[in-house]
Amino acid sequence: MQKTLRSPRHVRLVQLIIDERKASGLSQADLAKAISRYQSVVAAIESGGRRVDVVEFLDLAETIGFDPHEMLRKVAKISRTGSDN
């Protein structure tokens, strides 16, 4: 199995999280405070340098206000090589 960090699906997931955070009006600092993390953790996620585990993903969805199922559907449309299915 290939590494997932910075894979096409990981890149898509990160971009969707960033888009949703910005659309919600939250800054990285606001989000970090809401999930009891440092802003640098949010920055590391958004720069693609850190993976998001399932529980953390659900916390992000709840805090930012996006549907985790819909986001995963969008990510799943990206093949492991980067093309849309």
N, C-alpha and C. Protein backbone atom coordinates (compact mmCIF):
# COMPACT_ATOMS: atom_id res chain seq x y z
N MET A 1 0.84 -1.18 0.00
CA MET A 1 0.00 0.00 0.00
C MET A 1 0.89 1.24 0.00
N GLN A 2 0.51 2.19 -0.83
CA GLN A 2 1.26 3.44 -0.92
C GLN A 2 0.98 4.32 0.29
N LYS A 3 1.88 5.24 0.54
CA LYS A 3 1.66 6.22 1.60
C LYS A 3 0.48 7.09 1.25
N THR A 4 -0.29 7.47 2.25
CA THR A 4 -1.45 8.30 2.00
C THR A 4 -1.19 9.79 2.19
N LEU A 5 -0.17 10.13 2.96
CA LEU A 5 0.14 11.53 3.19
C LEU A 5 0.52 12.19 1.87
N ARG A 6 -0.19 13.25 1.53
CA ARG A 6 -0.01 14.00 0.28
C ARG A 6 -0.41 13.21 -0.97
N SER A 7 -1.17 12.13 -0.78
CA SER A 7 -1.73 11.40 -1.91
C SER A 7 -2.86 12.26 -2.51
N PRO A 8 -3.32 11.95 -3.72
CA PRO A 8 -4.41 12.73 -4.31
C PRO A 8 -5.65 12.81 -3.41
N ARG A 9 -6.00 11.72 -2.77
CA ARG A 9 -7.17 11.75 -1.88
C ARG A 9 -6.91 12.61 -0.64
N HIS A 10 -5.71 12.53 -0.10
CA HIS A 10 -5.37 13.34 1.06
C HIS A 10 -5.39 14.82 0.70
N VAL A 11 -4.84 15.16 -0.45
CA VAL A 11 -4.83 16.55 -0.91
C VAL A 11 -6.26 17.06 -1.07
N ARG A 12 -7.14 16.23 -1.64
CA ARG A 12 -8.55 16.62 -1.81
C ARG A 12 -9.24 16.80 -0.46
N LEU A 13 -9.00 15.90 0.47
CA LEU A 13 -9.59 16.00 1.80
C LEU A 13 -9.16 17.30 2.47
N VAL A 14 -7.89 17.59 2.42
CA VAL A 14 -7.37 18.82 3.04
C VAL A 14 -8.01 20.05 2.41
N GLN A 15 -8.11 20.07 1.08
CA GLN A 15 -8.69 21.24 0.42
C GLN A 15 -10.16 21.41 0.80
N LEU A 16 -10.89 20.32 0.89
CA LEU A 16 -12.29 20.40 1.30
C LEU A 16 -12.43 20.91 2.73
N ILE A 17 -11.57 20.46 3.62
CA ILE A 17 -11.61 20.94 5.01
C ILE A 17 -11.32 22.44 5.05
N ILE A 18 -10.30 22.87 4.32
CA ILE A 18 -9.97 24.30 4.27
C ILE A 18 -11.15 25.11 3.74
N ASP A 19 -11.72 24.64 2.63
CA ASP A 19 -12.86 25.35 2.02
C ASP A 19 -14.02 25.47 3.00
N GLU A 20 -14.33 24.38 3.69
CA GLU A 20 -15.43 24.39 4.65
C GLU A 20 -15.14 25.28 5.85
N ARG A 21 -13.89 25.25 6.33
CA ARG A 21 -13.53 26.11 7.45
C ARG A 21 -13.69 27.58 7.07
N LYS A 22 -13.17 27.94 5.91
CA LYS A 22 -13.27 29.33 5.46
C LYS A 22 -14.73 29.74 5.25
N ALA A 23 -15.52 28.85 4.65
CA ALA A 23 -16.94 29.15 4.40
C ALA A 23 -17.70 29.35 5.71
N SER A 24 -17.25 28.69 6.75
CA SER A 24 -17.92 28.82 8.05
C SER A 24 -17.52 30.10 8.78
N GLY A 25 -16.49 30.77 8.27
CA GLY A 25 -16.03 32.01 8.89
C GLY A 25 -15.05 31.81 10.04
N LEU A 26 -14.59 30.58 10.22
CA LEU A 26 -13.63 30.30 11.30
C LEU A 26 -12.20 30.50 10.80
N SER A 27 -11.39 31.12 11.64
CA SER A 27 -9.96 31.18 11.36
C SER A 27 -9.34 29.88 11.87
N GLN A 28 -8.09 29.65 11.50
CA GLN A 28 -7.39 28.48 12.05
C GLN A 28 -7.37 28.55 13.58
N ALA A 29 -7.13 29.73 14.11
CA ALA A 29 -7.07 29.90 15.57
C ALA A 29 -8.41 29.60 16.22
N ASP A 30 -9.50 30.08 15.59
CA ASP A 30 -10.85 29.81 16.12
C ASP A 30 -11.12 28.31 16.15
N LEU A 31 -10.79 27.64 15.05
CA LEU A 31 -11.02 26.20 14.96
C LEU A 31 -10.18 25.46 15.99
N ALA A 32 -8.93 25.83 16.10
CA ALA A 32 -8.04 25.18 17.06
C ALA A 32 -8.59 25.30 18.48
N LYS A 33 -9.03 26.48 18.83
CA LYS A 33 -9.59 26.69 20.18
C LYS A 33 -10.83 25.82 20.38
N ALA A 34 -11.68 25.74 19.37
CA ALA A 34 -12.93 24.98 19.48
C ALA A 34 -12.70 23.48 19.63
N ILE A 35 -11.59 22.98 19.08
CA ILE A 35 -11.31 21.54 19.19
C ILE A 35 -10.21 21.27 20.21
N SER A 36 -9.87 22.28 20.99
CA SER A 36 -8.87 22.16 22.06
C SER A 36 -7.51 21.69 21.55
N ARG A 37 -7.08 22.32 20.48
CA ARG A 37 -5.76 22.05 19.89
C ARG A 37 -5.03 23.37 19.70
N TYR A 38 -3.75 23.29 19.42
CA TYR A 38 -2.98 24.47 19.07
C TYR A 38 -3.25 24.83 17.61
N GLN A 39 -3.12 26.12 17.30
CA GLN A 39 -3.30 26.57 15.91
C GLN A 39 -2.31 25.88 15.00
N SER A 40 -1.14 25.56 15.51
CA SER A 40 -0.13 24.89 14.68
C SER A 40 -0.59 23.50 14.23
N VAL A 41 -1.44 22.86 15.00
CA VAL A 41 -1.98 21.54 14.61
C VAL A 41 -2.91 21.73 13.41
N VAL A 42 -3.78 22.73 13.48
CA VAL A 42 -4.67 23.02 12.35
C VAL A 42 -3.85 23.40 11.12
N ALA A 43 -2.83 24.20 11.31
CA ALA A 43 -1.96 24.59 10.19
C ALA A 43 -1.27 23.37 9.58
N ALA A 44 -0.85 22.44 10.41
CA ALA A 44 -0.18 21.23 9.90
C ALA A 44 -1.16 20.37 9.11
N ILE A 45 -2.39 20.28 9.57
CA ILE A 45 -3.42 19.54 8.81
C ILE A 45 -3.63 20.22 7.47
N GLU A 46 -3.82 21.54 7.50
CA GLU A 46 -4.14 22.28 6.27
C GLU A 46 -2.97 22.39 5.31
N SER A 47 -1.76 22.22 5.78
CA SER A 47 -0.61 22.25 4.87
C SER A 47 -0.36 20.87 4.26
N GLY A 48 -1.09 19.87 4.75
CA GLY A 48 -0.93 18.52 4.22
C GLY A 48 0.17 17.73 4.92
N GLY A 49 0.73 18.28 5.96
CA GLY A 49 1.83 17.62 6.66
C GLY A 49 1.40 16.70 7.78
N ARG A 50 0.10 16.64 8.02
CA ARG A 50 -0.40 15.82 9.12
C ARG A 50 -1.69 15.13 8.69
N ARG A 51 -1.80 13.87 8.98
CA ARG A 51 -3.02 13.12 8.69
C ARG A 51 -4.11 13.49 9.69
N VAL A 52 -5.35 13.24 9.30
CA VAL A 52 -6.50 13.44 10.18
C VAL A 52 -7.08 12.06 10.46
N ASP A 53 -7.17 11.68 11.75
CA ASP A 53 -7.78 10.39 12.04
C ASP A 53 -9.30 10.52 12.03
N VAL A 54 -9.99 9.42 12.10
CA VAL A 54 -11.44 9.39 11.95
C VAL A 54 -12.13 10.21 13.03
N VAL A 55 -11.73 10.05 14.26
CA VAL A 55 -12.37 10.78 15.36
C VAL A 55 -12.12 12.28 15.21
N GLU A 56 -10.91 12.65 14.86
CA GLU A 56 -10.59 14.05 14.65
C GLU A 56 -11.40 14.62 13.48
N PHE A 57 -11.55 13.83 12.42
CA PHE A 57 -12.34 14.23 11.26
C PHE A 57 -13.78 14.53 11.68
N LEU A 58 -14.35 13.66 12.52
CA LEU A 58 -15.72 13.88 12.99
C LEU A 58 -15.81 15.12 13.87
N ASP A 59 -14.80 15.37 14.69
CA ASP A 59 -14.77 16.59 15.49
C ASP A 59 -14.70 17.83 14.60
N LEU A 60 -13.89 17.76 13.55
CA LEU A 60 -13.79 18.88 12.61
C LEU A 60 -15.14 19.12 11.93
N ALA A 61 -15.79 18.05 11.50
CA ALA A 61 -17.08 18.17 10.84
C ALA A 61 -18.11 18.83 11.76
N GLU A 62 -18.15 18.37 12.99
CA GLU A 62 -19.10 18.92 13.95
C GLU A 62 -18.82 20.39 14.24
N THR A 63 -17.57 20.72 14.41
CA THR A 63 -17.19 22.09 14.76
C THR A 63 -17.36 23.05 13.60
N ILE A 64 -16.92 22.63 12.42
CA ILE A 64 -17.00 23.49 11.24
C ILE A 64 -18.43 23.52 10.70
N GLY A 65 -19.12 22.38 10.80
CA GLY A 65 -20.51 22.33 10.34
C GLY A 65 -20.70 21.72 8.96
N PHE A 66 -19.86 20.76 8.61
CA PHE A 66 -20.05 20.07 7.33
C PHE A 66 -20.50 18.63 7.57
N ASP A 67 -21.07 18.03 6.53
CA ASP A 67 -21.53 16.65 6.59
C ASP A 67 -20.34 15.73 6.30
N PRO A 68 -19.89 14.95 7.28
CA PRO A 68 -18.72 14.11 7.05
C PRO A 68 -18.95 13.05 5.97
N HIS A 69 -20.19 12.56 5.87
CA HIS A 69 -20.50 11.55 4.85
C HIS A 69 -20.34 12.13 3.44
N GLU A 70 -20.87 13.34 3.26
CA GLU A 70 -20.77 13.98 1.95
C GLU A 70 -19.32 14.29 1.59
N MET A 71 -18.55 14.74 2.56
CA MET A 71 -17.15 15.03 2.28
C MET A 71 -16.41 13.75 1.88
N LEU A 72 -16.66 12.67 2.58
CA LEU A 72 -15.99 11.41 2.23
C LEU A 72 -16.42 10.91 0.85
N ARG A 73 -17.68 11.16 0.47
CA ARG A 73 -18.11 10.80 -0.88
C ARG A 73 -17.30 11.56 -1.93
N LYS A 74 -17.06 12.84 -1.67
CA LYS A 74 -16.27 13.65 -2.60
C LYS A 74 -14.83 13.15 -2.68
N VAL A 75 -14.26 12.80 -1.55
CA VAL A 75 -12.89 12.28 -1.53
C VAL A 75 -12.82 10.93 -2.23
N ALA A 76 -13.82 10.10 -2.03
CA ALA A 76 -13.83 8.76 -2.63
C ALA A 76 -13.92 8.81 -4.15
N LYS A 77 -14.39 9.91 -4.70
CA LYS A 77 -14.47 10.05 -6.16
C LYS A 77 -13.10 10.20 -6.81
N ILE A 78 -12.11 10.54 -6.00
CA ILE A 78 -10.75 10.70 -6.51
C ILE A 78 -10.06 9.34 -6.44
N SER A 79 -9.49 8.91 -7.54
CA SER A 79 -8.78 7.64 -7.54
C SER A 79 -7.46 7.80 -6.81
N ARG A 80 -6.84 6.70 -6.49
CA ARG A 80 -5.55 6.76 -5.80
C ARG A 80 -4.48 7.43 -6.65
N THR A 81 -4.71 7.49 -7.95
CA THR A 81 -3.73 8.12 -8.85
C THR A 81 -4.06 9.59 -9.14
N GLY A 82 -5.22 10.04 -8.65
CA GLY A 82 -5.54 11.45 -8.77
C GLY A 82 -6.62 11.82 -9.75
N SER A 83 -7.12 10.88 -10.53
CA SER A 83 -8.18 11.21 -11.47
C SER A 83 -9.55 10.96 -10.84
N ASP A 84 -10.55 11.65 -11.36
CA ASP A 84 -11.92 11.39 -10.88
C ASP A 84 -12.36 10.04 -11.39
N ASN A 85 -13.14 9.35 -10.56
CA ASN A 85 -13.69 8.03 -10.99
C ASN A 85 -14.81 8.21 -11.96
